Amino acid sequence: MEFRKLLYRTEDGSPFIGPVIDYEDDFWLVPEWLDGPTKGTVRPARIICLRDLPIENPGAQYRDVHWELRYPLNRDILEGRRLSRKPRVIPEPDIILNETGE
């Protein structure tokens, strides 16, 4: 699986770059990974849907980043303390990858 990268910020303006996966015909930010069920695998702790979020091209200083989120994400949503419908959050989706991303 090829990962894209998203530049996003929290309410305090702190910048982060996170992996984005293609899942169920949408792009999803993966803010945290957990160990998978077997050695050498990982799974997302939660995924956040990017559909309907304001995405733009990042500045030139972020050459390896594909997109930039225009508005900050709530830290409670990013850290799994609050679920959300917009943006849509799926806790512990049924996704398991090798540590290499395959």
N, C-alpha and C. Protein backbone atom coordinates (compact mmCIF):
# COMPACT_ATOMS: atom_id res chain seq x y z
N MET A 1 0.85 -1.17 0.00
CA MET A 1 0.00 0.00 0.00
C MET A 1 0.90 1.24 0.00
N GLU A 2 0.61 2.14 -0.90
CA GLU A 2 1.37 3.39 -0.95
C GLU A 2 0.71 4.41 -0.03
N PHE A 3 1.52 5.02 0.82
CA PHE A 3 1.00 6.05 1.71
C PHE A 3 1.19 7.41 1.08
N ARG A 4 0.19 8.24 1.24
CA ARG A 4 0.34 9.66 0.93
C ARG A 4 0.58 10.35 2.25
N LYS A 5 0.97 11.63 2.20
CA LYS A 5 1.26 12.36 3.43
C LYS A 5 0.39 13.62 3.50
N LEU A 6 -0.11 13.88 4.70
CA LEU A 6 -0.95 15.04 4.95
C LEU A 6 -0.29 15.90 6.03
N LEU A 7 -0.19 17.20 5.74
CA LEU A 7 0.24 18.16 6.75
C LEU A 7 -1.02 18.68 7.42
N TYR A 8 -1.06 18.57 8.75
CA TYR A 8 -2.22 19.06 9.50
C TYR A 8 -1.74 19.71 10.78
N ARG A 9 -2.61 20.49 11.37
CA ARG A 9 -2.29 21.18 12.61
C ARG A 9 -3.37 20.90 13.65
N THR A 10 -2.98 21.05 14.92
CA THR A 10 -3.95 20.97 16.01
C THR A 10 -4.39 22.38 16.36
N GLU A 11 -5.28 22.50 17.33
CA GLU A 11 -5.83 23.83 17.69
C GLU A 11 -4.73 24.81 18.11
N ASP A 12 -3.65 24.31 18.68
CA ASP A 12 -2.59 25.23 19.11
C ASP A 12 -1.62 25.59 17.99
N GLY A 13 -1.87 25.08 16.78
CA GLY A 13 -1.04 25.42 15.63
C GLY A 13 0.14 24.49 15.39
N SER A 14 0.33 23.50 16.27
CA SER A 14 1.44 22.57 16.10
C SER A 14 1.27 21.78 14.80
N PRO A 15 2.29 21.78 13.92
CA PRO A 15 2.19 21.05 12.66
C PRO A 15 2.59 19.58 12.81
N PHE A 16 1.91 18.72 12.09
CA PHE A 16 2.21 17.30 12.04
C PHE A 16 2.10 16.83 10.60
N ILE A 17 2.85 15.80 10.27
CA ILE A 17 2.73 15.15 8.97
C ILE A 17 2.34 13.71 9.25
N GLY A 18 1.21 13.29 8.69
CA GLY A 18 0.71 11.95 8.96
C GLY A 18 0.43 11.17 7.70
N PRO A 19 0.45 9.84 7.81
CA PRO A 19 0.18 8.99 6.66
C PRO A 19 -1.32 8.96 6.34
N VAL A 20 -1.60 8.88 5.06
CA VAL A 20 -2.97 8.78 4.55
C VAL A 20 -3.08 7.49 3.76
N ILE A 21 -4.13 6.71 4.05
CA ILE A 21 -4.36 5.47 3.33
C ILE A 21 -5.65 5.57 2.51
N ASP A 22 -5.74 4.72 1.51
CA ASP A 22 -6.94 4.60 0.69
C ASP A 22 -7.73 3.42 1.25
N TYR A 23 -8.96 3.69 1.72
CA TYR A 23 -9.78 2.66 2.35
C TYR A 23 -11.24 2.94 2.02
N GLU A 24 -11.94 1.94 1.53
CA GLU A 24 -13.36 2.06 1.17
C GLU A 24 -13.61 3.28 0.27
N ASP A 25 -12.77 3.44 -0.74
CA ASP A 25 -12.90 4.50 -1.76
C ASP A 25 -12.82 5.92 -1.21
N ASP A 26 -12.14 6.10 -0.08
CA ASP A 26 -11.88 7.42 0.49
C ASP A 26 -10.45 7.45 0.98
N PHE A 27 -9.98 8.65 1.26
CA PHE A 27 -8.66 8.82 1.87
C PHE A 27 -8.85 9.07 3.36
N TRP A 28 -8.00 8.42 4.16
CA TRP A 28 -8.11 8.45 5.62
C TRP A 28 -6.76 8.76 6.24
N LEU A 29 -6.74 9.68 7.18
CA LEU A 29 -5.56 9.98 7.96
C LEU A 29 -5.43 8.93 9.06
N VAL A 30 -4.21 8.44 9.26
CA VAL A 30 -3.93 7.49 10.34
C VAL A 30 -3.04 8.21 11.36
N PRO A 31 -3.62 8.76 12.43
CA PRO A 31 -2.80 9.51 13.38
C PRO A 31 -2.00 8.64 14.35
N GLU A 32 -2.35 7.34 14.44
CA GLU A 32 -1.65 6.47 15.39
C GLU A 32 -1.74 5.02 14.92
N TRP A 33 -0.62 4.29 15.06
CA TRP A 33 -0.57 2.88 14.72
C TRP A 33 -0.42 2.05 15.98
N LEU A 34 -1.00 0.86 15.96
CA LEU A 34 -0.88 -0.12 17.04
C LEU A 34 -0.19 -1.36 16.50
N ASP A 35 0.36 -2.17 17.38
CA ASP A 35 0.90 -3.45 16.95
C ASP A 35 -0.23 -4.30 16.40
N GLY A 36 0.07 -5.05 15.35
CA GLY A 36 -0.92 -5.93 14.76
C GLY A 36 -1.02 -7.24 15.52
N PRO A 37 -1.88 -8.14 15.04
CA PRO A 37 -2.10 -9.40 15.75
C PRO A 37 -0.92 -10.37 15.66
N THR A 38 -0.07 -10.17 14.66
CA THR A 38 1.09 -11.04 14.52
C THR A 38 2.35 -10.18 14.40
N LYS A 39 3.47 -10.80 14.67
CA LYS A 39 4.74 -10.09 14.62
C LYS A 39 4.96 -9.50 13.22
N GLY A 40 5.40 -8.25 13.19
CA GLY A 40 5.68 -7.60 11.91
C GLY A 40 4.47 -6.95 11.26
N THR A 41 3.34 -6.90 11.99
CA THR A 41 2.15 -6.25 11.42
C THR A 41 1.74 -5.07 12.30
N VAL A 42 1.03 -4.13 11.68
CA VAL A 42 0.50 -2.96 12.38
C VAL A 42 -0.95 -2.76 11.95
N ARG A 43 -1.67 -2.00 12.78
CA ARG A 43 -3.06 -1.66 12.45
C ARG A 43 -3.34 -0.26 12.96
N PRO A 44 -4.21 0.48 12.30
CA PRO A 44 -4.53 1.83 12.77
C PRO A 44 -5.31 1.80 14.08
N ALA A 45 -4.95 2.69 14.99
CA ALA A 45 -5.74 2.85 16.22
C ALA A 45 -7.08 3.49 15.87
N ARG A 46 -7.05 4.37 14.91
CA ARG A 46 -8.27 5.01 14.38
C ARG A 46 -7.91 5.62 13.04
N ILE A 47 -8.92 5.84 12.22
CA ILE A 47 -8.72 6.54 10.95
C ILE A 47 -9.72 7.68 10.88
N ILE A 48 -9.31 8.76 10.22
CA ILE A 48 -10.13 9.96 10.11
C ILE A 48 -10.33 10.25 8.62
N CYS A 49 -11.59 10.29 8.20
CA CYS A 49 -11.91 10.48 6.79
C CYS A 49 -11.62 11.92 6.36
N LEU A 50 -10.98 12.05 5.20
CA LEU A 50 -10.66 13.37 4.67
C LEU A 50 -11.74 13.92 3.74
N ARG A 51 -12.75 13.11 3.45
CA ARG A 51 -13.82 13.57 2.57
C ARG A 51 -14.49 14.81 3.19
N ASP A 52 -14.74 15.77 2.38
CA ASP A 52 -15.41 17.02 2.77
C ASP A 52 -14.56 17.92 3.66
N LEU A 53 -13.30 17.59 3.90
CA LEU A 53 -12.43 18.48 4.65
C LEU A 53 -11.67 19.36 3.65
N PRO A 54 -11.40 20.61 4.00
CA PRO A 54 -10.73 21.52 3.07
C PRO A 54 -9.24 21.18 2.93
N ILE A 55 -8.89 20.60 1.80
CA ILE A 55 -7.53 20.17 1.51
C ILE A 55 -6.96 21.07 0.42
N GLU A 56 -5.68 21.42 0.55
CA GLU A 56 -5.02 22.21 -0.48
C GLU A 56 -3.60 21.70 -0.67
N ASN A 57 -2.93 22.25 -1.67
CA ASN A 57 -1.54 21.88 -1.90
C ASN A 57 -0.68 22.52 -0.81
N PRO A 58 0.30 21.79 -0.30
CA PRO A 58 1.16 22.36 0.75
C PRO A 58 2.15 23.36 0.17
N GLY A 59 2.74 24.15 1.05
CA GLY A 59 3.76 25.10 0.62
C GLY A 59 4.99 24.40 0.08
N ALA A 60 5.81 25.14 -0.63
CA ALA A 60 7.00 24.58 -1.29
C ALA A 60 7.97 23.94 -0.30
N GLN A 61 7.97 24.38 0.96
CA GLN A 61 8.89 23.81 1.94
C GLN A 61 8.52 22.38 2.31
N TYR A 62 7.33 21.92 1.93
CA TYR A 62 6.87 20.56 2.23
C TYR A 62 6.82 19.73 0.94
N ARG A 63 7.96 19.51 0.34
CA ARG A 63 8.03 18.84 -0.96
C ARG A 63 7.54 17.39 -0.93
N ASP A 64 7.72 16.70 0.20
CA ASP A 64 7.34 15.29 0.28
C ASP A 64 5.91 15.09 0.77
N VAL A 65 5.18 16.17 0.94
CA VAL A 65 3.82 16.10 1.45
C VAL A 65 2.85 16.29 0.28
N HIS A 66 1.79 15.46 0.24
CA HIS A 66 0.84 15.52 -0.86
C HIS A 66 -0.23 16.59 -0.67
N TRP A 67 -0.75 16.72 0.59
CA TRP A 67 -1.84 17.65 0.85
C TRP A 67 -1.62 18.36 2.17
N GLU A 68 -2.32 19.48 2.31
CA GLU A 68 -2.34 20.21 3.57
C GLU A 68 -3.78 20.47 3.96
N LEU A 69 -4.11 20.19 5.19
CA LEU A 69 -5.44 20.46 5.71
C LEU A 69 -5.51 21.94 6.09
N ARG A 70 -6.50 22.63 5.55
CA ARG A 70 -6.58 24.08 5.73
C ARG A 70 -6.92 24.50 7.16
N TYR A 71 -7.72 23.70 7.88
CA TYR A 71 -8.13 24.05 9.24
C TYR A 71 -7.60 23.02 10.23
N PRO A 72 -7.42 23.41 11.48
CA PRO A 72 -6.86 22.47 12.47
C PRO A 72 -7.83 21.34 12.81
N LEU A 73 -7.25 20.23 13.23
CA LEU A 73 -8.02 19.10 13.73
C LEU A 73 -8.01 19.14 15.25
N ASN A 74 -9.10 18.78 15.84
CA ASN A 74 -9.23 18.75 17.29
C ASN A 74 -8.35 17.65 17.86
N ARG A 75 -7.53 17.99 18.84
CA ARG A 75 -6.61 17.02 19.44
C ARG A 75 -7.35 15.84 20.07
N ASP A 76 -8.55 16.07 20.65
CA ASP A 76 -9.33 14.97 21.23
C ASP A 76 -9.71 13.94 20.17
N ILE A 77 -10.02 14.40 18.96
CA ILE A 77 -10.34 13.48 17.87
C ILE A 77 -9.07 12.75 17.41
N LEU A 78 -7.99 13.49 17.24
CA LEU A 78 -6.74 12.88 16.81
C LEU A 78 -6.25 11.82 17.77
N GLU A 79 -6.42 12.06 19.06
CA GLU A 79 -5.90 11.14 20.07
C GLU A 79 -6.91 10.09 20.53
N GLY A 80 -8.10 10.07 19.91
CA GLY A 80 -9.07 9.02 20.19
C GLY A 80 -9.90 9.23 21.45
N ARG A 81 -9.89 10.42 22.02
CA ARG A 81 -10.70 10.68 23.22
C ARG A 81 -12.12 11.09 22.87
N ARG A 82 -12.37 11.38 21.59
CA ARG A 82 -13.71 11.77 21.16
C ARG A 82 -13.96 11.25 19.76
N LEU A 83 -15.10 10.63 19.56
CA LEU A 83 -15.49 10.21 18.22
C LEU A 83 -16.18 11.37 17.53
N SER A 84 -16.28 11.27 16.24
CA SER A 84 -16.83 12.38 15.47
C SER A 84 -17.53 11.84 14.24
N ARG A 85 -18.55 12.56 13.80
CA ARG A 85 -19.21 12.23 12.53
C ARG A 85 -18.68 13.10 11.40
N LYS A 86 -18.20 14.29 11.76
CA LYS A 86 -17.59 15.15 10.77
C LYS A 86 -16.41 15.84 11.41
N PRO A 87 -15.21 15.41 11.16
CA PRO A 87 -14.91 14.34 10.23
C PRO A 87 -15.28 12.97 10.81
N ARG A 88 -15.55 12.06 9.90
CA ARG A 88 -15.90 10.70 10.31
C ARG A 88 -14.66 10.01 10.87
N VAL A 89 -14.82 9.35 12.00
CA VAL A 89 -13.73 8.63 12.64
C VAL A 89 -14.16 7.18 12.83
N ILE A 90 -13.28 6.26 12.46
CA ILE A 90 -13.52 4.84 12.71
C ILE A 90 -12.45 4.35 13.67
N PRO A 91 -12.83 3.97 14.89
CA PRO A 91 -11.84 3.42 15.82
C PRO A 91 -11.51 1.97 15.47
N GLU A 92 -10.24 1.65 15.52
CA GLU A 92 -9.73 0.30 15.28
C GLU A 92 -10.40 -0.40 14.09
N PRO A 93 -10.25 0.16 12.88
CA PRO A 93 -10.84 -0.49 11.70
C PRO A 93 -10.15 -1.82 11.43
N ASP A 94 -10.80 -2.64 10.67
CA ASP A 94 -10.29 -3.97 10.35
C ASP A 94 -9.26 -3.86 9.22
N ILE A 95 -8.14 -3.23 9.52
CA ILE A 95 -7.04 -3.04 8.56
C ILE A 95 -5.77 -3.54 9.23
N ILE A 96 -5.09 -4.46 8.57
CA ILE A 96 -3.83 -4.98 9.09
C ILE A 96 -2.80 -4.91 7.96
N LEU A 97 -1.67 -4.32 8.25
CA LEU A 97 -0.61 -4.18 7.25
C LEU A 97 0.69 -4.73 7.80
N ASN A 98 1.56 -5.17 6.90
CA ASN A 98 2.93 -5.47 7.31
C ASN A 98 3.57 -4.16 7.70
N GLU A 99 4.59 -4.21 8.53
CA GLU A 99 5.27 -2.99 8.95
C GLU A 99 5.82 -2.21 7.76
N THR A 100 6.00 -2.87 6.63
CA THR A 100 6.50 -2.20 5.43
C THR A 100 5.37 -1.48 4.69
N GLY A 101 4.12 -1.63 5.16
CA GLY A 101 2.99 -0.96 4.52
C GLY A 101 2.27 -1.79 3.49
N GLU A 102 2.58 -3.06 3.38
CA GLU A 102 1.92 -3.92 2.39
C GLU A 102 0.80 -4.73 3.01
